[in-house]
Amino acid sequence: MTTTQFDNVTLTTKANVYFDGKCVSHSFTLADGTKKSVGVVLAASLTFGTAAAEIMECVGGACEYKLAGSDTWVKQAEGDSFNVPANSKFDIRVEQAYHYICHYA
């Protein structure tokens, strides 16, 4: 099931802009202290690094991703998610806008 909204959040209004504007996100914190971000990746092929473990949830559009150490590209569409280990990297290919929620583990 795709997440459609979060209630009772504290939102950071300044956007996180990466890769010359090809990825833009906003960070927010839930009432229980859980941190997340929501954003969009525009058409591009990018490599992201992680500090914390992440769950990337697709809430619109689609992408292909490849985790560090893998040679396999996996398709992801709305309602799908994938896990990225802490202190790792993943490659992502987007043809049209990919809307996501990043759940930090």
Protein backbone atom coordinates (compact mmCIF):
# COMPACT_ATOMS: atom_id res chain seq x y z
CA MET A 1 0.00 0.00 0.00
CA THR A 2 1.34 3.42 -0.94
CA THR A 3 1.70 6.03 1.80
CA THR A 4 -0.42 9.06 0.88
CA GLN A 5 0.00 11.41 3.85
CA PHE A 6 1.64 11.99 7.22
CA ASP A 7 -0.12 13.87 10.01
CA ASN A 8 1.42 15.91 12.84
CA VAL A 9 4.85 16.51 11.34
CA THR A 10 7.56 19.11 11.69
CA LEU A 11 8.73 20.01 8.19
CA THR A 12 12.05 21.57 7.22
CA THR A 13 11.01 24.17 4.66
CA LYS A 14 14.38 24.54 2.94
CA ALA A 15 14.74 21.86 0.27
CA ASN A 16 17.62 19.42 0.03
CA VAL A 17 18.84 19.83 -3.56
CA TYR A 18 21.19 17.23 -5.01
CA PHE A 19 22.82 16.58 -8.38
CA ASP A 20 22.25 20.08 -9.81
CA GLY A 21 18.52 19.92 -9.07
CA LYS A 22 17.89 16.43 -10.43
CA CYS A 23 16.81 15.36 -6.92
CA VAL A 24 14.91 17.61 -4.52
CA SER A 25 13.57 16.53 -1.15
CA HIS A 26 12.20 17.90 2.11
CA SER A 27 13.01 16.42 5.51
CA PHE A 28 10.40 16.05 8.21
CA THR A 29 10.02 14.56 11.67
CA LEU A 30 6.98 12.69 12.97
CA ALA A 31 5.53 13.38 16.41
CA ASP A 32 7.35 10.28 17.77
CA GLY A 33 10.73 11.62 16.55
CA THR A 34 10.99 9.40 13.45
CA LYS A 35 12.81 11.20 10.61
CA LYS A 36 11.86 10.86 6.95
CA SER A 37 12.18 12.74 3.70
CA VAL A 38 9.94 13.05 0.69
CA GLY A 39 11.08 14.11 -2.74
CA VAL A 40 11.38 13.65 -6.45
CA VAL A 41 14.15 12.49 -8.77
CA LEU A 42 13.90 13.88 -12.29
CA ALA A 43 15.11 12.05 -15.41
CA ALA A 44 18.71 11.05 -14.66
CA SER A 45 21.15 8.27 -13.77
CA LEU A 46 22.53 8.94 -10.27
CA THR A 47 24.46 7.29 -7.44
CA PHE A 48 23.35 7.95 -3.86
CA GLY A 49 25.31 7.21 -0.71
CA THR A 50 23.67 6.33 2.59
CA ALA A 51 24.73 6.95 6.18
CA ALA A 52 21.70 5.33 7.84
CA ALA A 53 19.80 2.35 6.48
CA GLU A 54 16.92 3.47 4.26
CA ILE A 55 13.70 2.17 2.83
CA MET A 56 12.86 3.90 -0.44
CA GLU A 57 9.12 3.87 -1.11
CA CYS A 58 7.83 4.82 -4.57
CA VAL A 59 4.70 6.97 -4.32
CA GLY A 60 4.59 8.01 -7.99
CA GLY A 61 6.39 7.37 -11.24
CA ALA A 62 8.98 4.62 -11.56
CA CYS A 63 12.70 3.90 -11.53
CA GLU A 64 15.29 1.19 -11.82
CA TYR A 65 17.79 0.73 -9.02
CA LYS A 66 20.91 -1.32 -8.39
CA LEU A 67 22.30 -1.87 -4.90
CA ALA A 68 26.05 -1.75 -4.19
CA GLY A 69 27.68 -5.09 -4.98
CA SER A 70 24.94 -6.12 -7.41
CA ASP A 71 24.95 -6.13 -11.20
CA THR A 72 21.16 -6.46 -11.38
CA TRP A 73 18.87 -3.52 -12.16
CA VAL A 74 15.45 -3.86 -10.49
CA LYS A 75 12.32 -2.03 -11.65
CA GLN A 76 10.28 -0.17 -9.08
CA ALA A 77 6.83 1.38 -9.55
CA GLU A 78 4.25 3.07 -7.35
CA GLY A 79 3.61 1.02 -4.22
CA ASP A 80 7.00 -0.74 -4.35
CA SER A 81 9.88 -0.19 -1.95
CA PHE A 82 13.48 -1.30 -1.57
CA ASN A 83 15.94 -1.44 1.33
CA VAL A 84 19.39 0.13 1.28
CA PRO A 85 21.91 -0.82 3.99
CA ALA A 86 23.65 1.82 6.10
CA ASN A 87 26.99 3.13 4.81
CA SER A 88 26.26 1.89 1.32
CA LYS A 89 25.40 3.18 -2.16
CA PHE A 90 22.78 2.59 -4.79
CA ASP A 91 22.42 3.57 -8.43
CA ILE A 92 19.10 4.83 -9.74
CA ARG A 93 17.87 5.38 -13.29
CA VAL A 94 14.79 7.51 -13.87
CA GLU A 95 13.13 8.22 -17.22
CA GLN A 96 10.30 10.37 -15.86
CA ALA A 97 9.79 11.84 -12.40
CA TYR A 98 10.15 9.33 -9.54
CA HIS A 99 8.35 10.46 -6.36
CA TYR A 100 9.55 8.83 -3.17
CA ILE A 101 9.49 8.69 0.60
CA CYS A 102 12.76 7.85 2.30
CA HIS A 103 12.12 6.03 5.57
CA TYR A 104 15.30 6.13 7.67
CA ALA A 105 15.86 2.94 9.67
